């Protein structure tokens, strides 16, 4: 375990809250201090810390790896920030994109054509972890003259089969 300032501050907050609560039950300061000192790590690591992990949507960032992209499509959201920031796909040919990322999962709809636009490929990136997350991550790759022109990262509402 790495002791960070964040951990120390939250442990002090938990200790203070426990001490104040136990002080209402028993007026012996030495006993409430001792019980608070013993209970603080348990309350922090078994109640507070899991709650923060459930509510927050922090996820690891990874560098782009073509093999992991194809093998683990539910974890693509970890790589998309690296792809967009490094511009690794900008200027890449359509054939190389199909080889690296696989064939598109769906095409964007174009209202002017009243059909699918073959120059805008979409890939699902998975669902970021978090208790209140109701959207899936997606990326749209736009081609111009058979080269990648732009990438657009967006979220889409999750629709389950039985809700239709």
Protein backbone atom coordinates (compact mmCIF):
# COMPACT_ATOMS: atom_id res chain seq x y z
CA UNK A 1 0.00 0.00 0.00
CA UNK A 2 1.28 3.44 -0.93
CA UNK A 3 0.65 6.14 1.64
CA UNK A 4 -0.37 9.30 -0.20
CA UNK A 5 -1.53 12.69 1.12
CA UNK A 6 -5.00 11.87 -0.18
CA UNK A 7 -5.08 8.66 1.89
CA UNK A 8 -3.84 10.44 5.03
CA UNK A 9 -6.41 13.24 4.70
CA UNK A 10 -9.29 10.82 4.23
CA UNK A 11 -8.11 8.62 7.08
CA UNK A 12 -8.06 11.71 9.33
CA UNK A 13 -11.58 12.63 8.20
CA UNK A 14 -12.84 9.10 8.89
CA UNK A 15 -11.08 9.07 12.27
CA UNK A 16 -12.61 12.43 13.23
CA UNK A 17 -16.12 11.37 12.19
CA UNK A 18 -15.82 8.07 14.06
CA UNK A 19 -14.43 9.84 17.14
CA UNK A 20 -17.29 12.36 17.13
CA UNK A 21 -19.88 9.61 16.68
CA UNK A 22 -18.44 7.36 19.37
CA UNK A 23 -18.08 10.36 21.69
CA UNK A 24 -21.89 10.66 21.71
CA UNK A 25 -22.17 7.05 22.87
CA UNK A 26 -19.47 7.04 25.56
CA UNK A 27 -17.80 10.03 27.25
CA UNK A 28 -14.50 8.26 28.02
CA UNK A 29 -12.16 10.03 25.61
CA UNK A 30 -9.37 7.45 25.84
CA UNK A 31 -11.79 4.61 24.98
CA UNK A 32 -13.44 6.43 22.06
CA UNK A 33 -9.98 7.43 20.76
CA UNK A 34 -8.75 3.83 20.96
CA UNK A 35 -11.86 2.40 19.30
CA UNK A 36 -11.73 5.10 16.60
CA UNK A 37 -8.07 4.36 15.96
CA UNK A 38 -8.78 0.63 15.58
CA UNK A 39 -11.97 1.03 13.51
CA UNK A 40 -10.68 3.74 11.12
CA UNK A 41 -8.75 1.41 8.76
CA UNK A 42 -11.68 -1.02 8.59
CA UNK A 43 -14.26 1.68 7.93
CA UNK A 44 -12.02 3.32 5.35
CA UNK A 45 -10.98 0.21 3.40
CA UNK A 46 -14.22 -1.77 3.68
CA UNK A 47 -16.84 1.00 3.43
CA UNK A 48 -15.52 4.34 2.16
CA UNK A 49 -12.95 3.15 -0.40
CA UNK A 50 -15.28 0.63 -2.17
CA UNK A 51 -18.03 3.26 -2.30
CA UNK A 52 -15.68 5.77 -3.96
CA UNK A 53 -14.60 3.14 -6.51
CA UNK A 54 -18.20 2.30 -7.38
CA UNK A 55 -19.29 5.91 -7.80
CA UNK A 56 -16.22 7.25 -9.62
CA UNK A 57 -15.63 6.32 -13.25
CA UNK A 58 -11.85 6.32 -13.24
CA UNK A 59 -10.29 3.90 -15.69
CA UNK A 60 -6.77 3.09 -16.78
CA UNK A 61 -5.36 4.68 -19.91
CA UNK A 62 -3.40 2.41 -22.23
CA UNK A 63 -1.33 2.92 -25.33
CA UNK A 64 -2.86 1.73 -28.58
CA UNK A 65 -2.23 -1.92 -29.34
CA UNK A 66 -3.83 -3.38 -32.50
CA UNK A 67 -3.84 -6.91 -31.10
CA UNK A 68 -5.61 -5.85 -27.88
CA UNK A 69 -8.06 -3.75 -29.93
CA UNK A 70 -9.25 -6.84 -31.80
CA UNK A 71 -9.03 -9.35 -28.93
CA UNK A 72 -10.72 -7.23 -26.23
CA UNK A 73 -13.28 -4.90 -27.84
CA UNK A 74 -14.94 -4.14 -24.48
CA UNK A 75 -11.73 -2.45 -23.28
CA UNK A 76 -11.12 -0.22 -26.30
CA UNK A 77 -12.16 2.85 -24.31
CA UNK A 78 -8.82 2.56 -22.47
CA UNK A 79 -6.90 3.11 -25.74
CA UNK A 80 -9.01 5.74 -27.53
CA UNK A 81 -7.49 8.76 -25.77
CA UNK A 82 -4.00 7.70 -26.90
CA UNK A 83 -5.21 7.20 -30.47
CA UNK A 84 -6.83 10.64 -30.65
CA UNK A 85 -4.05 12.56 -28.88
CA UNK A 86 -1.20 11.01 -30.85
CA UNK A 87 -2.93 11.24 -34.26
CA UNK A 88 -1.64 7.76 -35.09
CA UNK A 89 -4.51 7.04 -37.49
CA UNK A 90 -4.74 10.41 -39.26
CA UNK A 91 -3.64 9.99 -42.89
CA UNK A 92 -3.82 6.19 -42.72
CA UNK A 93 -5.39 4.40 -45.69
CA UNK A 94 -8.78 2.69 -45.50
CA UNK A 95 -7.15 -0.68 -46.21
CA UNK A 96 -4.65 -0.27 -43.34
CA UNK A 97 -7.46 0.76 -40.95
CA UNK A 98 -9.43 -2.35 -41.91
CA UNK A 99 -6.32 -4.45 -41.26
CA UNK A 100 -5.36 -2.71 -37.98
CA UNK A 101 -8.78 -2.16 -36.36
CA UNK A 102 -10.81 -4.72 -38.24
CA UNK A 103 -13.74 -3.97 -40.50
CA UNK A 104 -16.17 -1.30 -39.27
CA UNK A 105 -18.93 -2.34 -36.89
CA UNK A 106 -21.49 0.03 -38.42
CA UNK A 107 -21.66 2.93 -40.85
CA UNK A 108 -23.00 6.39 -40.01
CA UNK A 109 -26.31 7.45 -41.49
CA UNK A 110 -26.31 10.28 -44.01
CA UNK A 111 -29.65 12.09 -44.31
CA UNK A 112 -28.71 13.74 -47.60
CA UNK A 113 -28.09 10.35 -49.24
CA UNK A 114 -30.87 8.64 -47.28
CA UNK A 115 -28.44 5.81 -46.67
CA UNK A 116 -25.29 4.74 -44.92
CA UNK A 117 -22.14 6.77 -45.52
CA UNK A 118 -19.24 4.46 -46.44
CA UNK A 119 -16.78 7.24 -45.56
CA UNK A 120 -17.72 7.24 -41.85
CA UNK A 121 -16.87 4.03 -40.01
CA UNK A 122 -17.92 3.45 -36.41
CA UNK A 123 -16.47 1.19 -33.74
CA UNK A 124 -17.83 0.38 -30.30
CA UNK A 125 -15.34 1.00 -27.49
CA UNK A 126 -17.14 -0.68 -24.62
CA UNK A 127 -18.70 0.75 -21.48
CA UNK A 128 -16.62 2.74 -19.01
CA UNK A 129 -16.99 1.35 -15.48
CA UNK A 130 -19.05 3.37 -13.02
CA UNK A 131 -22.27 3.07 -11.07
CA UNK A 132 -24.20 5.79 -12.90
CA UNK A 133 -22.93 5.25 -16.43
CA UNK A 134 -25.76 4.74 -18.93
CA UNK A 135 -23.77 5.36 -22.10
CA UNK A 136 -21.43 3.31 -24.24
CA UNK A 137 -18.30 4.75 -25.79
CA UNK A 138 -17.95 4.92 -29.59
CA UNK A 139 -15.56 6.37 -32.16
CA UNK A 140 -16.35 7.54 -35.68
CA UNK A 141 -13.55 7.53 -38.26
CA UNK A 142 -14.10 9.86 -41.21
CA UNK A 143 -12.37 9.16 -44.52
CA UNK A 144 -11.61 11.60 -47.31
CA UNK A 145 -9.94 10.33 -50.50
CA UNK A 146 -9.46 6.92 -48.84
CA UNK A 147 -7.37 8.43 -46.00
CA UNK A 148 -8.42 9.06 -42.40
CA UNK A 149 -9.39 12.71 -42.05
CA UNK A 150 -10.78 12.83 -38.50
CA UNK A 151 -11.73 10.79 -35.45
CA UNK A 152 -14.69 11.68 -33.28
CA UNK A 153 -15.12 10.14 -29.84
CA UNK A 154 -18.73 10.16 -28.61
CA UNK A 155 -21.09 8.49 -26.18
CA UNK A 156 -24.31 6.75 -27.12
CA UNK A 157 -27.23 5.74 -24.90
CA UNK A 158 -27.24 2.03 -24.04
CA UNK A 159 -30.39 0.34 -25.37
CA UNK A 160 -31.07 -3.21 -24.29
CA UNK A 161 -32.92 -5.71 -26.49
CA UNK A 162 -35.94 -6.01 -24.17
CA UNK A 163 -36.41 -2.20 -24.00
CA UNK A 164 -37.16 -1.83 -27.72
